[in-house]
Amino acid sequence: MAASSIRHLSRVYSIPGIEEDLGPNKATLGAVSGIPLRSYAAGQLINGNLADKGGGGG
């Protein structure tokens, strides 16, 4: 939980500097920062289906 909070705070404080230095707007930064979450979700969907078909279980 602490690592998640630290990552969140680092993003909160770094976004204004990134905007100033590189020029992207908040929408672009939000889209780019959401890529890991969408990638993780896609992997969970694919791997979950493979595990169900392969007989994996808990």
PDB file of N, CA and C in Angstrom:
ATOM      1  N   MET A   1       0.823  -1.192   0.000  1.00  0.00           N
ATOM      2  CA  MET A   1       0.000   0.000   0.000  1.00  0.00           C
ATOM      3  C   MET A   1       0.869   1.258   0.000  1.00  0.00           C
ATOM      4  N   ALA A   2       1.956   1.222   0.733  1.00  0.00           N
ATOM      5  CA  ALA A   2       2.824   2.401   0.789  1.00  0.00           C
ATOM      6  C   ALA A   2       3.459   2.671  -0.571  1.00  0.00           C
ATOM      7  N   ALA A   3       3.848   1.603  -1.277  1.00  0.00           N
ATOM      8  CA  ALA A   3       4.460   1.791  -2.597  1.00  0.00           C
ATOM      9  C   ALA A   3       3.461   2.414  -3.564  1.00  0.00           C
ATOM     10  N   SER A   4       2.210   1.996  -3.483  1.00  0.00           N
ATOM     11  CA  SER A   4       1.177   2.555  -4.344  1.00  0.00           C
ATOM     12  C   SER A   4       0.986   4.034  -4.053  1.00  0.00           C
ATOM     13  N   SER A   5       0.988   4.397  -2.787  1.00  0.00           N
ATOM     14  CA  SER A   5       0.832   5.805  -2.411  1.00  0.00           C
ATOM     15  C   SER A   5       2.011   6.647  -2.886  1.00  0.00           C
ATOM     16  N   ILE A   6       3.202   6.093  -2.784  1.00  0.00           N
ATOM     17  CA  ILE A   6       4.395   6.807  -3.225  1.00  0.00           C
ATOM     18  C   ILE A   6       4.352   7.012  -4.736  1.00  0.00           C
ATOM     19  N   ARG A   7       3.945   5.971  -5.486  1.00  0.00           N
ATOM     20  CA  ARG A   7       3.841   6.115  -6.946  1.00  0.00           C
ATOM     21  C   ARG A   7       2.819   7.184  -7.302  1.00  0.00           C
ATOM     22  N   HIS A   8       1.692   7.185  -6.591  1.00  0.00           N
ATOM     23  CA  HIS A   8       0.654   8.179  -6.861  1.00  0.00           C
ATOM     24  C   HIS A   8       1.182   9.587  -6.591  1.00  0.00           C
ATOM     25  N   LEU A   9       1.836   9.779  -5.465  1.00  0.00           N
ATOM     26  CA  LEU A   9       2.376  11.101  -5.134  1.00  0.00           C
ATOM     27  C   LEU A   9       3.440  11.539  -6.127  1.00  0.00           C
ATOM     28  N   SER A  10       4.266  10.603  -6.584  1.00  0.00           N
ATOM     29  CA  SER A  10       5.301  10.994  -7.543  1.00  0.00           C
ATOM     30  C   SER A  10       4.672  11.459  -8.850  1.00  0.00           C
ATOM     31  N   ARG A  11       3.560  10.820  -9.263  1.00  0.00           N
ATOM     32  CA  ARG A  11       2.872  11.272 -10.473  1.00  0.00           C
ATOM     33  C   ARG A  11       2.227  12.632 -10.262  1.00  0.00           C
ATOM     34  N   VAL A  12       1.615  12.823  -9.107  1.00  0.00           N
ATOM     35  CA  VAL A  12       0.928  14.083  -8.824  1.00  0.00           C
ATOM     36  C   VAL A  12       1.912  15.248  -8.874  1.00  0.00           C
ATOM     37  N   TYR A  13       3.083  15.058  -8.315  1.00  0.00           N
ATOM     38  CA  TYR A  13       4.050  16.147  -8.266  1.00  0.00           C
ATOM     39  C   TYR A  13       4.877  16.276  -9.540  1.00  0.00           C
ATOM     40  N   SER A  14       4.969  15.226 -10.336  1.00  0.00           N
ATOM     41  CA  SER A  14       5.793  15.302 -11.545  1.00  0.00           C
ATOM     42  C   SER A  14       5.017  15.821 -12.750  1.00  0.00           C
ATOM     43  N   ILE A  15       3.697  15.672 -12.772  1.00  0.00           N
ATOM     44  CA  ILE A  15       2.917  16.070 -13.944  1.00  0.00           C
ATOM     45  C   ILE A  15       3.066  17.555 -14.284  1.00  0.00           C
ATOM     46  N   PRO A  16       3.006  18.478 -13.325  1.00  0.00           N
ATOM     47  CA  PRO A  16       3.194  19.888 -13.703  1.00  0.00           C
ATOM     48  C   PRO A  16       4.555  20.153 -14.360  1.00  0.00           C
ATOM     49  N   GLY A  17       5.601  19.507 -13.878  1.00  0.00           N
ATOM     50  CA  GLY A  17       6.923  19.689 -14.467  1.00  0.00           C
ATOM     51  C   GLY A  17       7.002  19.109 -15.865  1.00  0.00           C
ATOM     52  N   ILE A  18       6.371  17.959 -16.068  1.00  0.00           N
ATOM     53  CA  ILE A  18       6.355  17.345 -17.395  1.00  0.00           C
ATOM     54  C   ILE A  18       5.591  18.233 -18.366  1.00  0.00           C
ATOM     55  N   GLU A  19       4.466  18.767 -17.911  1.00  0.00           N
ATOM     56  CA  GLU A  19       3.691  19.676 -18.768  1.00  0.00           C
ATOM     57  C   GLU A  19       4.514  20.900 -19.166  1.00  0.00           C
ATOM     58  N   GLU A  20       5.228  21.440 -18.203  1.00  0.00           N
ATOM     59  CA  GLU A  20       6.011  22.652 -18.465  1.00  0.00           C
ATOM     60  C   GLU A  20       7.184  22.365 -19.403  1.00  0.00           C
ATOM     61  N   ASP A  21       7.878  21.251 -19.173  1.00  0.00           N
ATOM     62  CA  ASP A  21       9.067  20.948 -19.962  1.00  0.00           C
ATOM     63  C   ASP A  21       8.743  20.417 -21.355  1.00  0.00           C
ATOM     64  N   LEU A  22       7.780  19.510 -21.440  1.00  0.00           N
ATOM     65  CA  LEU A  22       7.528  18.817 -22.703  1.00  0.00           C
ATOM     66  C   LEU A  22       6.310  19.322 -23.453  1.00  0.00           C
ATOM     67  N   GLY A  23       5.380  19.958 -22.756  1.00  0.00           N
ATOM     68  CA  GLY A  23       4.246  20.586 -23.409  1.00  0.00           C
ATOM     69  C   GLY A  23       2.975  19.780 -23.612  1.00  0.00           C
ATOM     70  N   PRO A  24       2.892  18.499 -23.195  1.00  0.00           N
ATOM     71  CA  PRO A  24       1.622  17.795 -23.404  1.00  0.00           C
ATOM     72  C   PRO A  24       0.558  18.301 -22.435  1.00  0.00           C
ATOM     73  N   ASN A  25      -0.708  18.167 -22.832  1.00  0.00           N
ATOM     74  CA  ASN A  25      -1.780  18.587 -21.923  1.00  0.00           C
ATOM     75  C   ASN A  25      -2.157  17.437 -20.987  1.00  0.00           C
ATOM     76  N   LYS A  26      -3.052  17.695 -20.064  1.00  0.00           N
ATOM     77  CA  LYS A  26      -3.429  16.687 -19.066  1.00  0.00           C
ATOM     78  C   LYS A  26      -4.097  15.471 -19.707  1.00  0.00           C
ATOM     79  N   ALA A  27      -4.847  15.683 -20.781  1.00  0.00           N
ATOM     80  CA  ALA A  27      -5.504  14.559 -21.454  1.00  0.00           C
ATOM     81  C   ALA A  27      -4.474  13.597 -22.040  1.00  0.00           C
ATOM     82  N   THR A  28      -3.440  14.139 -22.650  1.00  0.00           N
ATOM     83  CA  THR A  28      -2.388  13.292 -23.222  1.00  0.00           C
ATOM     84  C   THR A  28      -1.642  12.554 -22.122  1.00  0.00           C
ATOM     85  N   LEU A  29      -1.302  13.251 -21.059  1.00  0.00           N
ATOM     86  CA  LEU A  29      -0.603  12.606 -19.944  1.00  0.00           C
ATOM     87  C   LEU A  29      -1.468  11.515 -19.315  1.00  0.00           C
ATOM     88  N   GLY A  30      -2.762  11.768 -19.204  1.00  0.00           N
ATOM     89  CA  GLY A  30      -3.661  10.756 -18.650  1.00  0.00           C
ATOM     90  C   GLY A  30      -3.739   9.527 -19.530  1.00  0.00           C
ATOM     91  N   ALA A  31      -3.804   9.742 -20.837  1.00  0.00           N
ATOM     92  CA  ALA A  31      -3.868   8.611 -21.766  1.00  0.00           C
ATOM     93  C   ALA A  31      -2.582   7.786 -21.704  1.00  0.00           C
ATOM     94  N   VAL A  32      -1.453   8.465 -21.665  1.00  0.00           N
ATOM     95  CA  VAL A  32      -0.175   7.756 -21.619  1.00  0.00           C
ATOM     96  C   VAL A  32       0.006   7.037 -20.282  1.00  0.00           C
ATOM     97  N   SER A  33      -0.359   7.668 -19.184  1.00  0.00           N
ATOM     98  CA  SER A  33      -0.166   7.031 -17.885  1.00  0.00           C
ATOM     99  C   SER A  33      -1.153   5.884 -17.655  1.00  0.00           C
ATOM    100  N   GLY A  34      -2.223   5.819 -18.439  1.00  0.00           N
ATOM    101  CA  GLY A  34      -3.176   4.719 -18.319  1.00  0.00           C
ATOM    102  C   GLY A  34      -2.795   3.481 -19.108  1.00  0.00           C
ATOM    103  N   ILE A  35      -1.756   3.570 -19.939  1.00  0.00           N
ATOM    104  CA  ILE A  35      -1.342   2.431 -20.754  1.00  0.00           C
ATOM    105  C   ILE A  35      -0.970   1.215 -19.907  1.00  0.00           C
ATOM    106  N   PRO A  36      -0.188   1.351 -18.839  1.00  0.00           N
ATOM    107  CA  PRO A  36       0.130   0.162 -18.035  1.00  0.00           C
ATOM    108  C   PRO A  36      -1.118  -0.508 -17.433  1.00  0.00           C
ATOM    109  N   LEU A  37      -2.082   0.275 -17.023  1.00  0.00           N
ATOM    110  CA  LEU A  37      -3.299  -0.298 -16.456  1.00  0.00           C
ATOM    111  C   LEU A  37      -4.072  -1.086 -17.507  1.00  0.00           C
ATOM    112  N   ARG A  38      -4.193  -0.517 -18.702  1.00  0.00           N
ATOM    113  CA  ARG A  38      -4.910  -1.226 -19.769  1.00  0.00           C
ATOM    114  C   ARG A  38      -4.149  -2.476 -20.204  1.00  0.00           C
ATOM    115  N   SER A  39      -2.833  -2.407 -20.223  1.00  0.00           N
ATOM    116  CA  SER A  39      -2.026  -3.579 -20.581  1.00  0.00           C
ATOM    117  C   SER A  39      -2.191  -4.684 -19.552  1.00  0.00           C
ATOM    118  N   TYR A  40      -2.192  -4.320 -18.291  1.00  0.00           N
ATOM    119  CA  TYR A  40      -2.390  -5.295 -17.215  1.00  0.00           C
ATOM    120  C   TYR A  40      -3.768  -5.944 -17.339  1.00  0.00           C
ATOM    121  N   ALA A  41      -4.795  -5.136 -17.595  1.00  0.00           N
ATOM    122  CA  ALA A  41      -6.152  -5.668 -17.724  1.00  0.00           C
ATOM    123  C   ALA A  41      -6.245  -6.634 -18.898  1.00  0.00           C
ATOM    124  N   ALA A  42      -5.639  -6.282 -20.027  1.00  0.00           N
ATOM    125  CA  ALA A  42      -5.674  -7.171 -21.190  1.00  0.00           C
ATOM    126  C   ALA A  42      -4.974  -8.495 -20.877  1.00  0.00           C
ATOM    127  N   GLY A  43      -3.852  -8.424 -20.204  1.00  0.00           N
ATOM    128  CA  GLY A  43      -3.144  -9.648 -19.813  1.00  0.00           C
ATOM    129  C   GLY A  43      -3.966 -10.514 -18.882  1.00  0.00           C
ATOM    130  N   GLN A  44      -4.674  -9.889 -17.956  1.00  0.00           N
ATOM    131  CA  GLN A  44      -5.521 -10.652 -17.040  1.00  0.00           C
ATOM    132  C   GLN A  44      -6.646 -11.357 -17.794  1.00  0.00           C
ATOM    133  N   LEU A  45      -7.238 -10.672 -18.757  1.00  0.00           N
ATOM    134  CA  LEU A  45      -8.304 -11.295 -19.549  1.00  0.00           C
ATOM    135  C   LEU A  45      -7.782 -12.482 -20.353  1.00  0.00           C
ATOM    136  N   ILE A  46      -6.671 -12.286 -21.018  1.00  0.00           N
ATOM    137  CA  ILE A  46      -6.106 -13.355 -21.849  1.00  0.00           C
ATOM    138  C   ILE A  46      -5.644 -14.519 -20.985  1.00  0.00           C
ATOM    139  N   ASN A  47      -4.859 -14.236 -19.962  1.00  0.00           N
ATOM    140  CA  ASN A  47      -4.320 -15.308 -19.126  1.00  0.00           C
ATOM    141  C   ASN A  47      -5.399 -16.013 -18.323  1.00  0.00           C
ATOM    142  N   GLY A  48      -6.428 -15.282 -17.918  1.00  0.00           N
ATOM    143  CA  GLY A  48      -7.533 -15.918 -17.201  1.00  0.00           C
ATOM    144  C   GLY A  48      -8.276 -16.894 -18.082  1.00  0.00           C
ATOM    145  N   ASN A  49      -8.524 -16.513 -19.325  1.00  0.00           N
ATOM    146  CA  ASN A  49      -9.188 -17.425 -20.262  1.00  0.00           C
ATOM    147  C   ASN A  49      -8.323 -18.643 -20.557  1.00  0.00           C
ATOM    148  N   LEU A  50      -7.026 -18.424 -20.731  1.00  0.00           N
ATOM    149  CA  LEU A  50      -6.110 -19.561 -20.985  1.00  0.00           C
ATOM    150  C   LEU A  50      -6.092 -20.514 -19.785  1.00  0.00           C
ATOM    151  N   ALA A  51      -6.074 -19.960 -18.593  1.00  0.00           N
ATOM    152  CA  ALA A  51      -6.054 -20.801 -17.395  1.00  0.00           C
ATOM    153  C   ALA A  51      -7.350 -21.594 -17.268  1.00  0.00           C
ATOM    154  N   ASP A  52      -8.478 -20.969 -17.592  1.00  0.00           N
ATOM    155  CA  ASP A  52      -9.750 -21.677 -17.530  1.00  0.00           C
ATOM    156  C   ASP A  52      -9.800 -22.819 -18.540  1.00  0.00           C
ATOM    157  N   LYS A  53      -9.288 -22.577 -19.731  1.00  0.00           N
ATOM    158  CA  LYS A  53      -9.316 -23.609 -20.766  1.00  0.00           C
ATOM    159  C   LYS A  53      -8.295 -24.697 -20.486  1.00  0.00           C
ATOM    160  N   GLY A  54      -7.202 -24.333 -19.847  1.00  0.00           N
ATOM    161  CA  GLY A  54      -6.135 -25.290 -19.571  1.00  0.00           C
ATOM    162  C   GLY A  54      -6.336 -26.068 -18.289  1.00  0.00           C
ATOM    163  N   GLY A  55      -7.378 -25.784 -17.571  1.00  0.00           N
ATOM    164  CA  GLY A  55      -7.636 -26.514 -16.338  1.00  0.00           C
ATOM    165  C   GLY A  55      -6.959 -25.948 -15.118  1.00  0.00           C
ATOM    166  N   GLY A  56      -6.441 -24.740 -15.243  1.00  0.00           N
ATOM    167  CA  GLY A  56      -5.816 -24.121 -14.078  1.00  0.00           C
ATOM    168  C   GLY A  56      -6.869 -23.750 -13.049  1.00  0.00           C
ATOM    169  N   GLY A  57      -6.508 -23.814 -11.832  1.00  0.00           N
ATOM    170  CA  GLY A  57      -7.478 -23.452 -10.791  1.00  0.00           C
ATOM    171  C   GLY A  57      -6.779 -23.280  -9.461  1.00  0.00           C
ATOM    172  N   GLY A  58      -7.562 -22.808  -8.533  1.00  0.00           N
ATOM    173  CA  GLY A  58      -6.959 -22.522  -7.243  1.00  0.00           C
ATOM    174  C   GLY A  58      -7.422 -23.349  -6.175  1.00  0.00           C
TER     175      GLY A  58
END
